[in-house]
Amino acid sequence: MTATALDVVVVFEDGVLKPEGNTRFAGVLQDSKRYKAHLEPVPAEAPVVNDDPTGWKTARALKGCITSTVSDAARNHDKYLYDAD
């Protein structure tokens, strides 16, 4: 049997290496068999900060970016979207 390299991201918690994500080892690793591992730290991803939870800041930034020659879009909304009279 040939050796196959396997890259897995793990987290060390409570004295145990736990794989992140949905990693399936069935058919790749065998019970009670010894494996050699090379571990290197991976920098943690910066947490995403949501400074615009309502979306209004983004909406204001988009204001004026769409130009249109239609001046009655609000009045004739259905006509333009659904081609309805």
N, C-alpha and C. Protein backbone atom coordinates (compact mmCIF):
# COMPACT_ATOMS: atom_id res chain seq x y z
N MET A 1 0.84 -1.17 0.00
CA MET A 1 0.00 0.00 0.00
C MET A 1 0.89 1.23 0.00
N THR A 2 0.55 2.24 -0.81
CA THR A 2 1.33 3.46 -0.89
C THR A 2 0.84 4.46 0.14
N ALA A 3 1.75 5.28 0.63
CA ALA A 3 1.40 6.30 1.60
C ALA A 3 0.75 7.48 0.88
N THR A 4 -0.29 8.01 1.46
CA THR A 4 -0.99 9.16 0.90
C THR A 4 -0.93 10.30 1.90
N ALA A 5 -0.52 11.48 1.42
CA ALA A 5 -0.47 12.65 2.29
C ALA A 5 -1.88 13.17 2.50
N LEU A 6 -2.14 13.67 3.67
CA LEU A 6 -3.46 14.17 4.02
C LEU A 6 -3.29 15.47 4.78
N ASP A 7 -3.80 16.57 4.24
CA ASP A 7 -3.75 17.86 4.92
C ASP A 7 -5.06 18.10 5.64
N VAL A 8 -4.98 18.31 6.94
CA VAL A 8 -6.16 18.53 7.76
C VAL A 8 -5.87 19.69 8.71
N VAL A 9 -6.80 20.62 8.81
CA VAL A 9 -6.68 21.71 9.78
C VAL A 9 -7.33 21.23 11.07
N VAL A 10 -6.57 21.29 12.17
CA VAL A 10 -7.08 20.83 13.46
C VAL A 10 -6.97 21.93 14.50
N VAL A 11 -7.76 21.79 15.54
CA VAL A 11 -7.71 22.69 16.68
C VAL A 11 -7.38 21.84 17.90
N PHE A 12 -6.45 22.31 18.71
CA PHE A 12 -6.08 21.59 19.94
C PHE A 12 -6.95 22.11 21.07
N GLU A 13 -7.90 21.28 21.51
CA GLU A 13 -8.83 21.64 22.58
C GLU A 13 -8.88 20.52 23.61
N ASP A 14 -8.80 20.88 24.85
CA ASP A 14 -8.92 19.91 25.95
C ASP A 14 -7.96 18.73 25.79
N GLY A 15 -6.76 19.00 25.29
CA GLY A 15 -5.76 17.96 25.15
C GLY A 15 -5.96 17.04 23.97
N VAL A 16 -6.88 17.41 23.05
CA VAL A 16 -7.18 16.56 21.90
C VAL A 16 -7.11 17.39 20.62
N LEU A 17 -6.52 16.81 19.57
CA LEU A 17 -6.54 17.46 18.25
C LEU A 17 -7.86 17.15 17.58
N LYS A 18 -8.64 18.18 17.30
CA LYS A 18 -9.97 18.00 16.70
C LYS A 18 -9.97 18.62 15.31
N PRO A 19 -10.36 17.86 14.28
CA PRO A 19 -10.38 18.42 12.93
C PRO A 19 -11.48 19.47 12.78
N GLU A 20 -11.17 20.51 12.00
CA GLU A 20 -12.17 21.54 11.71
C GLU A 20 -12.95 21.12 10.47
N GLY A 21 -14.19 21.51 10.41
CA GLY A 21 -15.00 21.24 9.23
C GLY A 21 -15.49 19.81 9.18
N ASN A 22 -15.97 19.45 8.02
CA ASN A 22 -16.54 18.12 7.81
C ASN A 22 -15.49 17.22 7.15
N THR A 23 -14.53 16.76 7.95
CA THR A 23 -13.45 15.92 7.43
C THR A 23 -13.82 14.46 7.62
N ARG A 24 -13.76 13.71 6.55
CA ARG A 24 -14.09 12.28 6.61
C ARG A 24 -12.80 11.48 6.46
N PHE A 25 -12.54 10.61 7.43
CA PHE A 25 -11.34 9.79 7.42
C PHE A 25 -11.62 8.35 7.02
N ALA A 26 -12.89 8.01 6.81
CA ALA A 26 -13.22 6.62 6.46
C ALA A 26 -12.55 6.26 5.15
N GLY A 27 -11.88 5.14 5.15
CA GLY A 27 -11.19 4.68 3.95
C GLY A 27 -9.80 5.27 3.78
N VAL A 28 -9.46 6.27 4.60
CA VAL A 28 -8.15 6.90 4.51
C VAL A 28 -7.28 6.48 5.69
N LEU A 29 -7.84 6.54 6.88
CA LEU A 29 -7.11 6.16 8.08
C LEU A 29 -7.67 4.85 8.63
N GLN A 30 -6.80 4.07 9.23
CA GLN A 30 -7.22 2.79 9.80
C GLN A 30 -7.10 2.85 11.31
N ASP A 31 -8.04 2.24 12.00
CA ASP A 31 -8.00 2.19 13.46
C ASP A 31 -6.76 1.47 13.94
N SER A 32 -6.24 1.89 15.07
CA SER A 32 -5.11 1.27 15.75
C SER A 32 -3.84 1.25 14.90
N LYS A 33 -3.74 2.11 13.94
CA LYS A 33 -2.53 2.20 13.14
C LYS A 33 -1.83 3.51 13.49
N ARG A 34 -0.51 3.49 13.50
CA ARG A 34 0.26 4.69 13.85
C ARG A 34 0.47 5.55 12.62
N TYR A 35 0.37 6.86 12.82
CA TYR A 35 0.58 7.82 11.74
C TYR A 35 1.57 8.87 12.20
N LYS A 36 2.35 9.36 11.28
CA LYS A 36 3.30 10.42 11.55
C LYS A 36 2.64 11.74 11.12
N ALA A 37 2.72 12.77 11.97
CA ALA A 37 2.07 14.04 11.66
C ALA A 37 3.08 15.17 11.73
N HIS A 38 2.94 16.11 10.84
CA HIS A 38 3.73 17.33 10.86
C HIS A 38 2.76 18.46 11.21
N LEU A 39 2.98 19.13 12.33
CA LEU A 39 2.08 20.19 12.78
C LEU A 39 2.77 21.54 12.65
N GLU A 40 2.05 22.50 12.10
CA GLU A 40 2.56 23.86 12.07
C GLU A 40 1.40 24.80 12.39
N PRO A 41 1.66 25.83 13.18
CA PRO A 41 0.57 26.74 13.55
C PRO A 41 0.07 27.52 12.34
N VAL A 42 -1.22 27.73 12.31
CA VAL A 42 -1.85 28.53 11.26
C VAL A 42 -2.38 29.79 11.93
N PRO A 43 -2.05 30.96 11.37
CA PRO A 43 -2.55 32.19 12.00
C PRO A 43 -4.08 32.22 12.01
N ALA A 44 -4.62 32.67 13.11
CA ALA A 44 -6.07 32.75 13.23
C ALA A 44 -6.59 33.85 12.31
N GLU A 45 -7.75 33.61 11.72
CA GLU A 45 -8.36 34.61 10.87
C GLU A 45 -8.91 35.73 11.74
N ALA A 46 -8.77 36.94 11.25
CA ALA A 46 -9.29 38.09 11.99
C ALA A 46 -10.81 38.00 12.01
N PRO A 47 -11.42 38.26 13.16
CA PRO A 47 -12.88 38.21 13.22
C PRO A 47 -13.48 39.31 12.35
N VAL A 48 -14.59 39.00 11.72
CA VAL A 48 -15.27 39.97 10.89
C VAL A 48 -16.07 40.89 11.80
N VAL A 49 -15.82 42.17 11.67
CA VAL A 49 -16.53 43.15 12.48
C VAL A 49 -17.65 43.73 11.63
N ASN A 50 -18.86 43.59 12.09
CA ASN A 50 -20.00 44.13 11.37
C ASN A 50 -20.30 45.52 11.92
N ASP A 51 -19.73 46.53 11.24
CA ASP A 51 -19.96 47.89 11.70
C ASP A 51 -21.19 48.51 11.05
N ASP A 52 -21.92 47.73 10.27
CA ASP A 52 -23.13 48.21 9.61
C ASP A 52 -24.22 47.14 9.70
N PRO A 53 -24.69 46.82 10.91
CA PRO A 53 -25.63 45.71 11.07
C PRO A 53 -26.96 45.92 10.35
N THR A 54 -27.38 47.17 10.14
CA THR A 54 -28.67 47.40 9.49
C THR A 54 -28.54 47.55 7.98
N GLY A 55 -27.32 47.81 7.49
CA GLY A 55 -27.11 47.96 6.06
C GLY A 55 -27.29 49.37 5.53
N TRP A 56 -27.67 50.30 6.39
CA TRP A 56 -27.91 51.67 5.93
C TRP A 56 -26.63 52.37 5.48
N LYS A 57 -25.52 52.09 6.12
CA LYS A 57 -24.26 52.71 5.71
C LYS A 57 -23.91 52.29 4.28
N THR A 58 -24.10 51.03 3.96
CA THR A 58 -23.84 50.53 2.61
C THR A 58 -24.84 51.12 1.63
N ALA A 59 -26.09 51.21 2.02
CA ALA A 59 -27.11 51.78 1.13
C ALA A 59 -26.78 53.24 0.80
N ARG A 60 -26.34 53.99 1.79
CA ARG A 60 -25.98 55.39 1.55
C ARG A 60 -24.77 55.51 0.63
N ALA A 61 -23.84 54.56 0.74
CA ALA A 61 -22.65 54.58 -0.11
C ALA A 61 -23.03 54.31 -1.57
N LEU A 62 -24.10 53.56 -1.80
CA LEU A 62 -24.53 53.25 -3.15
C LEU A 62 -25.38 54.35 -3.78
N LYS A 63 -25.82 55.30 -2.97
CA LYS A 63 -26.69 56.37 -3.45
C LYS A 63 -26.01 57.13 -4.59
N GLY A 64 -26.71 57.22 -5.70
CA GLY A 64 -26.20 57.97 -6.84
C GLY A 64 -25.31 57.19 -7.77
N CYS A 65 -25.05 55.92 -7.48
CA CYS A 65 -24.15 55.15 -8.36
C CYS A 65 -24.89 54.59 -9.58
N ILE A 66 -26.20 54.55 -9.53
CA ILE A 66 -26.98 54.06 -10.66
C ILE A 66 -27.62 55.25 -11.36
N THR A 67 -27.29 55.40 -12.60
CA THR A 67 -27.89 56.49 -13.37
C THR A 67 -28.91 55.90 -14.32
N SER A 68 -30.00 56.61 -14.51
CA SER A 68 -31.07 56.13 -15.36
C SER A 68 -31.68 57.32 -16.07
N THR A 69 -32.18 57.07 -17.26
CA THR A 69 -32.89 58.12 -18.00
C THR A 69 -34.37 58.10 -17.67
N VAL A 70 -34.82 57.12 -16.91
CA VAL A 70 -36.22 57.00 -16.54
C VAL A 70 -36.48 57.89 -15.33
N SER A 71 -37.40 58.84 -15.49
CA SER A 71 -37.67 59.75 -14.37
C SER A 71 -38.93 59.37 -13.61
N ASP A 72 -39.71 58.42 -14.13
CA ASP A 72 -40.96 58.05 -13.47
C ASP A 72 -40.94 56.59 -13.00
N ALA A 73 -39.78 56.11 -12.55
CA ALA A 73 -39.64 54.70 -12.16
C ALA A 73 -40.54 54.34 -10.99
N ALA A 74 -40.71 55.23 -10.04
CA ALA A 74 -41.57 54.92 -8.90
C ALA A 74 -43.03 54.84 -9.32
N ARG A 75 -43.45 55.76 -10.17
CA ARG A 75 -44.85 55.81 -10.60
C ARG A 75 -45.20 54.60 -11.49
N ASN A 76 -44.27 54.19 -12.33
CA ASN A 76 -44.54 53.10 -13.27
C ASN A 76 -43.70 51.86 -12.98
N HIS A 77 -43.51 51.58 -11.73
CA HIS A 77 -42.66 50.47 -11.28
C HIS A 77 -43.08 49.14 -11.91
N ASP A 78 -44.35 48.78 -11.81
CA ASP A 78 -44.83 47.51 -12.35
C ASP A 78 -44.67 47.42 -13.86
N LYS A 79 -44.89 48.53 -14.55
CA LYS A 79 -44.76 48.54 -15.99
C LYS A 79 -43.32 48.21 -16.41
N TYR A 80 -42.36 48.82 -15.72
CA TYR A 80 -40.97 48.60 -16.10
C TYR A 80 -40.47 47.20 -15.68
N LEU A 81 -40.92 46.70 -14.55
CA LEU A 81 -40.47 45.39 -14.11
C LEU A 81 -41.19 44.24 -14.80
N TYR A 82 -42.49 44.35 -14.93
CA TYR A 82 -43.30 43.21 -15.39
C TYR A 82 -43.93 43.45 -16.74
N ASP A 83 -43.64 44.58 -17.37
CA ASP A 83 -44.22 44.94 -18.65
C ASP A 83 -45.74 44.89 -18.57
N ALA A 84 -46.27 45.35 -17.43
CA ALA A 84 -47.72 45.37 -17.22
C ALA A 84 -48.24 46.79 -17.41
N ASP A 85 -49.45 46.88 -17.91
CA ASP A 85 -50.04 48.22 -18.11
C ASP A 85 -50.86 48.66 -16.96
